[in-house]
Amino acid sequence: METANLIWGLIFSSIGIGYFIYGRRQSNLVARYSGIALILYPYLVTNTLALVAVGILLMLTPRFIEL
């Protein structure tokens, strides 16, 4: 595994933990599930560009989708 993938995965997983905690405390399902996805998806994506693109999309999801 490349070093860049490890670093990006760590960054997005850390952000995902914050989203999950925020979503749980505010009862915001979109933020909670985005946090879970941010934590888990770095294990599935091996391309660095795809890793960053999916991470940014998941980070922006709670901004544009509200339930």
C-alpha atoms as a PDB file:
ATOM      1  CA  MET A   1       0.000   0.000   0.000  1.00  0.00           C
ATOM      2  CA  GLU A   2       1.272   3.455  -0.820  1.00  0.00           C
ATOM      3  CA  THR A   3       2.193   5.951   1.854  1.00  0.00           C
ATOM      4  CA  ALA A   4      -0.166   8.543   0.367  1.00  0.00           C
ATOM      5  CA  ASN A   5      -3.101   6.153   0.719  1.00  0.00           C
ATOM      6  CA  LEU A   6      -2.247   5.545   4.364  1.00  0.00           C
ATOM      7  CA  ILE A   7      -2.021   9.252   5.142  1.00  0.00           C
ATOM      8  CA  TRP A   8      -5.217  10.162   3.254  1.00  0.00           C
ATOM      9  CA  GLY A   9      -7.010   7.235   4.877  1.00  0.00           C
ATOM     10  CA  LEU A  10      -5.932   8.435   8.313  1.00  0.00           C
ATOM     11  CA  ILE A  11      -7.080  11.985   7.562  1.00  0.00           C
ATOM     12  CA  PHE A  12     -10.490  10.953   6.235  1.00  0.00           C
ATOM     13  CA  SER A  13     -11.029   8.407   9.018  1.00  0.00           C
ATOM     14  CA  SER A  14     -10.255  11.070  11.620  1.00  0.00           C
ATOM     15  CA  ILE A  15     -12.732  13.445  10.001  1.00  0.00           C
ATOM     16  CA  GLY A  16     -15.226  10.567   9.886  1.00  0.00           C
ATOM     17  CA  ILE A  17     -14.952  10.056  13.636  1.00  0.00           C
ATOM     18  CA  GLY A  18     -15.782  13.735  14.112  1.00  0.00           C
ATOM     19  CA  TYR A  19     -18.768  13.498  11.752  1.00  0.00           C
ATOM     20  CA  PHE A  20     -20.014  10.383  13.533  1.00  0.00           C
ATOM     21  CA  ILE A  21     -19.786  11.963  16.990  1.00  0.00           C
ATOM     22  CA  TYR A  22     -21.452  15.161  15.744  1.00  0.00           C
ATOM     23  CA  GLY A  23     -24.216  13.189  14.034  1.00  0.00           C
ATOM     24  CA  ARG A  24     -24.859  11.107  17.134  1.00  0.00           C
ATOM     25  CA  ARG A  25     -25.022  14.113  19.470  1.00  0.00           C
ATOM     26  CA  GLN A  26     -27.180  16.218  17.128  1.00  0.00           C
ATOM     27  CA  SER A  27     -29.357  13.274  15.978  1.00  0.00           C
ATOM     28  CA  ASN A  28     -28.317  14.012  12.387  1.00  0.00           C
ATOM     29  CA  LEU A  29     -28.528  10.765  10.425  1.00  0.00           C
ATOM     30  CA  VAL A  30     -26.774  12.099   7.320  1.00  0.00           C
ATOM     31  CA  ALA A  31     -23.731  13.255   9.297  1.00  0.00           C
ATOM     32  CA  ARG A  32     -23.678  10.009  11.279  1.00  0.00           C
ATOM     33  CA  TYR A  33     -23.758   7.762   8.218  1.00  0.00           C
ATOM     34  CA  SER A  34     -21.291   9.968   6.365  1.00  0.00           C
ATOM     35  CA  GLY A  35     -18.957   9.562   9.325  1.00  0.00           C
ATOM     36  CA  ILE A  36     -19.296   5.789   9.224  1.00  0.00           C
ATOM     37  CA  ALA A  37     -18.646   5.803   5.479  1.00  0.00           C
ATOM     38  CA  LEU A  38     -15.590   8.051   5.925  1.00  0.00           C
ATOM     39  CA  ILE A  39     -14.212   5.662   8.514  1.00  0.00           C
ATOM     40  CA  LEU A  40     -14.711   2.521   6.420  1.00  0.00           C
ATOM     41  CA  TYR A  41     -14.187   3.440   2.767  1.00  0.00           C
ATOM     42  CA  PRO A  42     -10.355   3.893   2.851  1.00  0.00           C
ATOM     43  CA  TYR A  43     -10.103   0.120   3.318  1.00  0.00           C
ATOM     44  CA  LEU A  44     -11.903  -0.455   0.002  1.00  0.00           C
ATOM     45  CA  VAL A  45     -10.350   2.166  -2.315  1.00  0.00           C
ATOM     46  CA  THR A  46      -6.780   1.632  -3.515  1.00  0.00           C
ATOM     47  CA  ASN A  47      -6.373   4.484  -6.027  1.00  0.00           C
ATOM     48  CA  THR A  48      -5.146   7.688  -4.354  1.00  0.00           C
ATOM     49  CA  LEU A  49      -7.107  10.038  -6.607  1.00  0.00           C
ATOM     50  CA  ALA A  50     -10.300   8.046  -6.084  1.00  0.00           C
ATOM     51  CA  LEU A  51      -9.634   7.983  -2.340  1.00  0.00           C
ATOM     52  CA  VAL A  52      -9.435  11.774  -2.189  1.00  0.00           C
ATOM     53  CA  ALA A  53     -12.420  12.295  -4.532  1.00  0.00           C
ATOM     54  CA  VAL A  54     -14.714   9.956  -2.588  1.00  0.00           C
ATOM     55  CA  GLY A  55     -13.567  11.458   0.699  1.00  0.00           C
ATOM     56  CA  ILE A  56     -14.395  14.977  -0.423  1.00  0.00           C
ATOM     57  CA  LEU A  57     -17.800  13.859  -1.713  1.00  0.00           C
ATOM     58  CA  LEU A  58     -18.589  12.145   1.573  1.00  0.00           C
ATOM     59  CA  MET A  59     -17.481  15.217   3.514  1.00  0.00           C
ATOM     60  CA  LEU A  60     -19.785  17.449   1.447  1.00  0.00           C
ATOM     61  CA  THR A  61     -22.794  15.132   1.663  1.00  0.00           C
ATOM     62  CA  PRO A  62     -24.193  16.472   4.995  1.00  0.00           C
ATOM     63  CA  ARG A  63     -23.876  20.016   3.662  1.00  0.00           C
ATOM     64  CA  PHE A  64     -26.251  19.409   0.755  1.00  0.00           C
ATOM     65  CA  ILE A  65     -28.537  16.599   2.015  1.00  0.00           C
ATOM     66  CA  GLU A  66     -30.769  17.106   5.024  1.00  0.00           C
ATOM     67  CA  LEU A  67     -33.348  14.698   6.380  1.00  0.00           C
END
